């Protein structure tokens, strides 16, 4: 339903990664090649997130690296300011997405990925089947204040709230994603849940119903819904029902079918604590 990508490695400009590749995210917004679920374009907004500073160091004034973002509720191709902005910003940790809104969900800037906290950036490609009634029991584990301050009244923003709650309890990115996938699939088994999480040092992703590809570079990793260069044979598909974990120099892929997807009951006392 959407397209997203993540990059980790030596700094590159947003323009080089998002706009200038042969099958860039910009091109995928109007000419995707592997859409599933009925949509044909991704014209309901976009977002680009990038890390400023180093998530592993205190940084200036004692502050760690932070994710910054630029989001719009218009098609990526219609934003005349984006090329100049993207050419002027460089980062070694980037997550970007273009959106095809599910029918009935709002087309607003706040509904566009990435959703961020600290150094973390999150995106969802897919849909929760039967939203919102199907997953209402999961909302009961979240404080009312969290539900009242979701970025948007959408399934993707709700998924981010669930993932963030797991992270705040100290779970790893992989555990947070698989925990949420397990929780949601237990209640809404027809859902499509390609989740993508970037914390500036690691990338974690799930494939449930949508395509995902990965490319190992020299000291870099790029993950994308579709290969950014179809002629580059270094792009490899990630199988459906998989968990991907990656750093800039290594990645691993595990089957979700063989992974124990427990229902994680959230511990409310930790939900207001930061995790990075």
Protein backbone atom coordinates (compact mmCIF):
# COMPACT_ATOMS: atom_id res chain seq x y z
CA UNK A 1 0.00 0.00 0.00
CA UNK A 2 3.06 2.25 0.47
CA UNK A 3 6.74 2.13 -0.41
CA UNK A 4 9.57 2.63 2.06
CA UNK A 5 13.33 2.39 2.33
CA UNK A 6 16.11 2.59 4.90
CA UNK A 7 19.83 3.24 4.55
CA UNK A 8 22.73 2.80 6.98
CA UNK A 9 26.32 3.55 6.03
CA UNK A 10 28.62 6.41 5.04
CA UNK A 11 26.78 9.75 4.73
CA UNK A 12 24.90 10.37 1.48
CA UNK A 13 22.58 13.17 0.48
CA UNK A 14 18.86 12.62 0.74
CA UNK A 15 18.65 13.47 -2.94
CA UNK A 16 21.13 10.77 -3.99
CA UNK A 17 19.24 8.10 -2.07
CA UNK A 18 15.61 9.13 -2.49
CA UNK A 19 15.46 11.07 -5.77
CA UNK A 20 18.33 10.16 -8.10
CA UNK A 21 18.36 6.34 -8.25
CA UNK A 22 17.10 4.66 -11.46
CA UNK A 23 14.02 3.34 -9.62
CA UNK A 24 14.08 5.85 -6.80
CA UNK A 25 11.45 6.26 -4.12
CA UNK A 26 10.34 9.30 -6.12
CA UNK A 27 9.70 7.06 -9.13
CA UNK A 28 8.04 4.44 -6.95
CA UNK A 29 5.56 7.10 -5.86
CA UNK A 30 4.08 7.29 -9.38
CA UNK A 31 5.35 4.11 -11.11
CA UNK A 32 5.71 1.28 -8.58
CA UNK A 33 6.21 -2.18 -10.01
CA UNK A 34 5.10 -4.48 -7.17
CA UNK A 35 2.09 -2.98 -5.44
CA UNK A 36 -0.16 -5.43 -3.60
CA UNK A 37 -3.58 -4.79 -2.12
CA UNK A 38 -5.20 -2.83 -4.92
CA UNK A 39 -3.38 0.53 -4.99
CA UNK A 40 -1.60 1.75 -8.12
CA UNK A 41 0.27 4.90 -6.98
CA UNK A 42 1.63 6.35 -3.74
CA UNK A 43 0.33 9.90 -3.93
CA UNK A 44 -1.07 10.54 -0.43
CA UNK A 45 2.01 12.13 1.06
CA UNK A 46 5.59 11.26 1.90
CA UNK A 47 8.22 11.63 4.56
CA UNK A 48 12.00 11.52 4.86
CA UNK A 49 13.77 11.02 8.17
CA UNK A 50 17.49 11.29 8.86
CA UNK A 51 19.76 11.11 11.85
CA UNK A 52 21.58 14.20 13.07
CA UNK A 53 24.52 13.33 15.32
CA UNK A 54 25.66 9.92 16.51
CA UNK A 55 23.18 7.77 18.45
CA UNK A 56 26.09 6.11 20.25
CA UNK A 57 27.77 9.31 21.54
CA UNK A 58 26.60 12.09 23.87
CA UNK A 59 26.95 14.63 21.08
CA UNK A 60 27.00 18.41 21.49
CA UNK A 61 25.64 19.76 24.78
CA UNK A 62 25.25 16.18 26.07
CA UNK A 63 22.51 15.34 23.55
CA UNK A 64 22.62 12.07 21.57
CA UNK A 65 21.83 11.78 17.88
CA UNK A 66 18.26 12.68 17.00
CA UNK A 67 16.02 11.81 14.07
CA UNK A 68 14.79 14.77 12.07
CA UNK A 69 12.13 14.55 9.38
CA UNK A 70 10.43 16.35 6.53
CA UNK A 71 6.83 15.30 5.78
CA UNK A 72 4.18 16.53 3.38
CA UNK A 73 0.60 15.48 2.59
CA UNK A 74 1.09 15.91 -1.17
CA UNK A 75 2.65 13.61 -3.79
CA UNK A 76 6.42 13.61 -3.64
CA UNK A 77 6.64 14.64 -7.30
CA UNK A 78 4.63 17.83 -6.62
CA UNK A 79 6.89 19.28 -3.91
CA UNK A 80 8.99 21.88 -5.70
CA UNK A 81 11.10 22.54 -2.58
CA UNK A 82 12.15 18.93 -2.03
CA UNK A 83 15.02 18.70 -4.57
CA UNK A 84 16.93 21.63 -3.06
CA UNK A 85 16.28 20.51 0.50
CA UNK A 86 17.26 16.90 -0.23
CA UNK A 87 20.47 17.98 -1.97
CA UNK A 88 21.55 20.03 1.06
CA UNK A 89 21.11 17.34 3.76
CA UNK A 90 23.46 14.39 4.24
CA UNK A 91 23.25 11.55 6.74
CA UNK A 92 24.46 8.02 7.30
CA UNK A 93 21.06 6.91 8.65
CA UNK A 94 17.96 7.58 6.54
CA UNK A 95 14.41 6.24 6.43
CA UNK A 96 11.89 7.44 3.84
CA UNK A 97 8.40 6.50 2.69
CA UNK A 98 5.71 7.40 0.19
CA UNK A 99 2.09 6.79 1.18
CA UNK A 100 -0.98 5.26 -0.41
CA UNK A 101 -3.67 5.84 2.20
CA UNK A 102 -6.07 3.03 3.01
CA UNK A 103 -9.67 3.96 2.18
CA UNK A 104 -11.25 5.79 5.07
CA UNK A 105 -8.00 6.95 6.64
CA UNK A 106 -7.04 10.65 6.66
CA UNK A 107 -4.65 12.16 4.15
CA UNK A 108 -2.65 14.40 6.44
CA UNK A 109 1.00 15.22 6.99
CA UNK A 110 0.89 13.69 10.48
CA UNK A 111 -0.20 10.34 9.01
CA UNK A 112 2.97 10.04 6.90
CA UNK A 113 5.97 8.00 7.99
CA UNK A 114 8.48 8.20 9.43
CA UNK A 115 7.18 8.29 12.98
CA UNK A 116 10.06 9.24 15.26
CA UNK A 117 11.29 9.36 18.84
CA UNK A 118 14.86 10.06 19.81
CA UNK A 119 17.02 8.42 17.17
CA UNK A 120 14.28 5.99 16.14
CA UNK A 121 12.42 6.15 12.83
CA UNK A 122 9.50 3.85 11.94
CA UNK A 123 7.40 3.05 8.86
CA UNK A 124 4.61 0.60 8.02
CA UNK A 125 3.76 -0.72 4.58
CA UNK A 126 0.43 -2.54 4.66
CA UNK A 127 -2.86 -2.47 6.56
CA UNK A 128 -4.41 -3.92 9.71
CA UNK A 129 -7.33 -6.05 8.59
CA UNK A 130 -10.57 -4.99 10.25
CA UNK A 131 -9.10 -1.77 11.66
CA UNK A 132 -9.85 -0.50 14.23
CA UNK A 133 -12.23 -3.00 15.84
CA UNK A 134 -10.04 -6.04 15.25
CA UNK A 135 -7.16 -4.74 17.38
CA UNK A 136 -9.12 -2.83 20.00
CA UNK A 137 -7.95 -5.26 22.72
CA UNK A 138 -4.35 -4.13 22.12
CA UNK A 139 -5.35 -0.53 22.77
CA UNK A 140 -6.43 -1.49 26.27
CA UNK A 141 -2.78 -2.05 27.19
CA UNK A 142 -1.83 1.53 26.28
CA UNK A 143 -2.43 4.53 28.54
CA UNK A 144 -5.23 6.83 27.46
CA UNK A 145 -2.75 9.67 27.02
CA UNK A 146 -0.81 7.63 24.44
CA UNK A 147 -3.97 6.93 22.45
CA UNK A 148 -5.05 10.58 22.67
CA UNK A 149 -1.74 11.79 21.28
CA UNK A 150 -1.21 9.41 18.36
CA UNK A 151 0.33 11.15 15.37
CA UNK A 152 -2.83 10.33 13.42
CA UNK A 153 -5.94 8.11 13.78
CA UNK A 154 -4.44 5.43 11.52
CA UNK A 155 -3.29 1.85 11.82
CA UNK A 156 0.33 2.84 11.11
CA UNK A 157 0.41 5.39 13.93
CA UNK A 158 -1.15 2.81 16.26
CA UNK A 159 1.48 0.24 15.28
CA UNK A 160 4.17 2.79 16.09
CA UNK A 161 2.65 3.32 19.54
CA UNK A 162 2.78 -0.45 20.14
CA UNK A 163 6.36 -0.77 18.87
CA UNK A 164 7.48 2.23 20.92
CA UNK A 165 5.90 0.75 24.06
CA UNK A 166 7.91 -2.46 23.61
CA UNK A 167 11.10 -0.47 23.03
CA UNK A 168 10.52 1.57 26.16
CA UNK A 169 10.38 -1.68 28.11
CA UNK A 170 13.92 -2.40 26.94
CA UNK A 171 13.17 -4.93 24.21
CA UNK A 172 15.36 -5.06 21.14
CA UNK A 173 14.14 -3.72 17.82
CA UNK A 174 13.69 -7.26 16.50
CA UNK A 175 11.75 -8.35 19.57
CA UNK A 176 9.57 -5.24 19.42
CA UNK A 177 8.65 -5.80 15.77
CA UNK A 178 8.01 -9.52 16.07
CA UNK A 179 6.04 -8.99 19.25
CA UNK A 180 3.75 -6.48 17.57
CA UNK A 181 3.38 -8.65 14.47
CA UNK A 182 2.44 -11.59 16.66
CA UNK A 183 -0.06 -9.55 18.65
CA UNK A 184 -1.75 -8.12 15.55
CA UNK A 185 -1.79 -11.32 13.51
CA UNK A 186 -3.41 -13.17 16.42
CA UNK A 187 -6.36 -10.75 16.25
CA UNK A 188 -6.34 -9.74 12.57
CA UNK A 189 -4.73 -12.58 10.58
CA UNK A 190 -5.44 -10.99 7.21
CA UNK A 191 -3.22 -8.00 7.96
CA UNK A 192 -0.21 -6.97 5.88
CA UNK A 193 2.60 -5.90 8.17
CA UNK A 194 5.84 -4.82 6.54
CA UNK A 195 7.33 -2.91 9.47
CA UNK A 196 10.60 -0.97 9.21
CA UNK A 197 12.55 0.41 12.19
CA UNK A 198 15.84 2.35 12.15
CA UNK A 199 17.66 3.58 15.25
CA UNK A 200 20.77 4.97 13.60
CA UNK A 201 22.84 1.88 14.39
CA UNK A 202 20.54 -0.96 13.33
CA UNK A 203 17.75 -1.62 10.86
CA UNK A 204 15.02 -4.16 11.63
CA UNK A 205 12.18 -5.07 9.29
CA UNK A 206 9.40 -7.62 8.88
CA UNK A 207 7.79 -8.91 5.70
CA UNK A 208 4.16 -9.94 6.02
CA UNK A 209 2.29 -9.64 2.73
CA UNK A 210 4.46 -7.12 0.87
CA UNK A 211 7.79 -7.16 -0.94
CA UNK A 212 11.13 -6.07 0.50
CA UNK A 213 14.63 -6.07 -0.99
CA UNK A 214 18.09 -5.59 0.49
CA UNK A 215 21.45 -4.56 -0.93
CA UNK A 216 24.82 -4.95 0.79
CA UNK A 217 27.26 -2.21 -0.21
CA UNK A 218 30.79 -1.46 0.92
CA UNK A 219 30.11 -0.68 4.56
CA UNK A 220 26.46 0.10 3.90
CA UNK A 221 23.03 -1.53 3.84
CA UNK A 222 20.00 -0.38 1.87
CA UNK A 223 16.54 -1.86 2.33
CA UNK A 224 13.69 -0.96 -0.01
CA UNK A 225 10.21 -2.10 -1.02
CA UNK A 226 11.53 -2.30 -4.58
CA UNK A 227 15.15 -2.35 -5.86
CA UNK A 228 16.42 1.18 -6.43
CA UNK A 229 18.21 -0.09 -9.53
CA UNK A 230 16.53 -3.09 -11.21
CA UNK A 231 19.69 -3.78 -13.23
CA UNK A 232 21.88 -4.06 -10.13
CA UNK A 233 22.14 -7.79 -9.36
CA UNK A 234 23.31 -7.06 -5.80
CA UNK A 235 19.69 -6.43 -4.82
CA UNK A 236 18.23 -9.55 -3.21
CA UNK A 237 14.61 -10.24 -2.21
CA UNK A 238 13.66 -10.83 1.42
CA UNK A 239 11.23 -13.77 1.62
CA UNK A 240 7.70 -13.21 2.86
CA UNK A 241 7.11 -13.88 6.56
CA UNK A 242 10.65 -12.92 7.50
CA UNK A 243 12.50 -10.82 10.05
CA UNK A 244 15.47 -8.82 8.75
CA UNK A 245 18.14 -7.47 11.11
CA UNK A 246 21.00 -5.37 9.77
CA UNK A 247 23.93 -3.16 10.65
CA UNK A 248 26.08 -1.29 8.14
CA UNK A 249 28.29 -4.35 7.67
CA UNK A 250 26.10 -7.39 8.30
CA UNK A 251 22.55 -8.62 7.96
CA UNK A 252 20.58 -11.72 8.86
CA UNK A 253 17.16 -13.00 7.79
CA UNK A 254 15.04 -15.32 9.90
CA UNK A 255 11.69 -16.92 9.17
CA UNK A 256 8.78 -15.56 11.20
CA UNK A 257 7.10 -18.93 10.73
CA UNK A 258 9.81 -20.55 12.84
CA UNK A 259 10.00 -17.73 15.38
CA UNK A 260 7.91 -17.90 18.54
CA UNK A 261 5.55 -14.93 18.25
CA UNK A 262 4.30 -14.53 21.79
CA UNK A 263 1.62 -12.06 22.73
CA UNK A 264 3.60 -9.47 24.72
CA UNK A 265 1.51 -7.90 27.47
CA UNK A 266 2.75 -4.35 27.94
CA UNK A 267 4.01 -3.31 31.35
CA UNK A 268 2.29 0.03 31.89
CA UNK A 269 4.78 1.35 34.47
CA UNK A 270 7.50 1.60 31.81
CA UNK A 271 5.50 3.26 29.06
CA UNK A 272 6.56 6.82 29.93
CA UNK A 273 10.28 6.06 29.95
CA UNK A 274 12.50 6.90 26.99
CA UNK A 275 14.30 4.01 25.32
CA UNK A 276 17.24 5.71 23.65
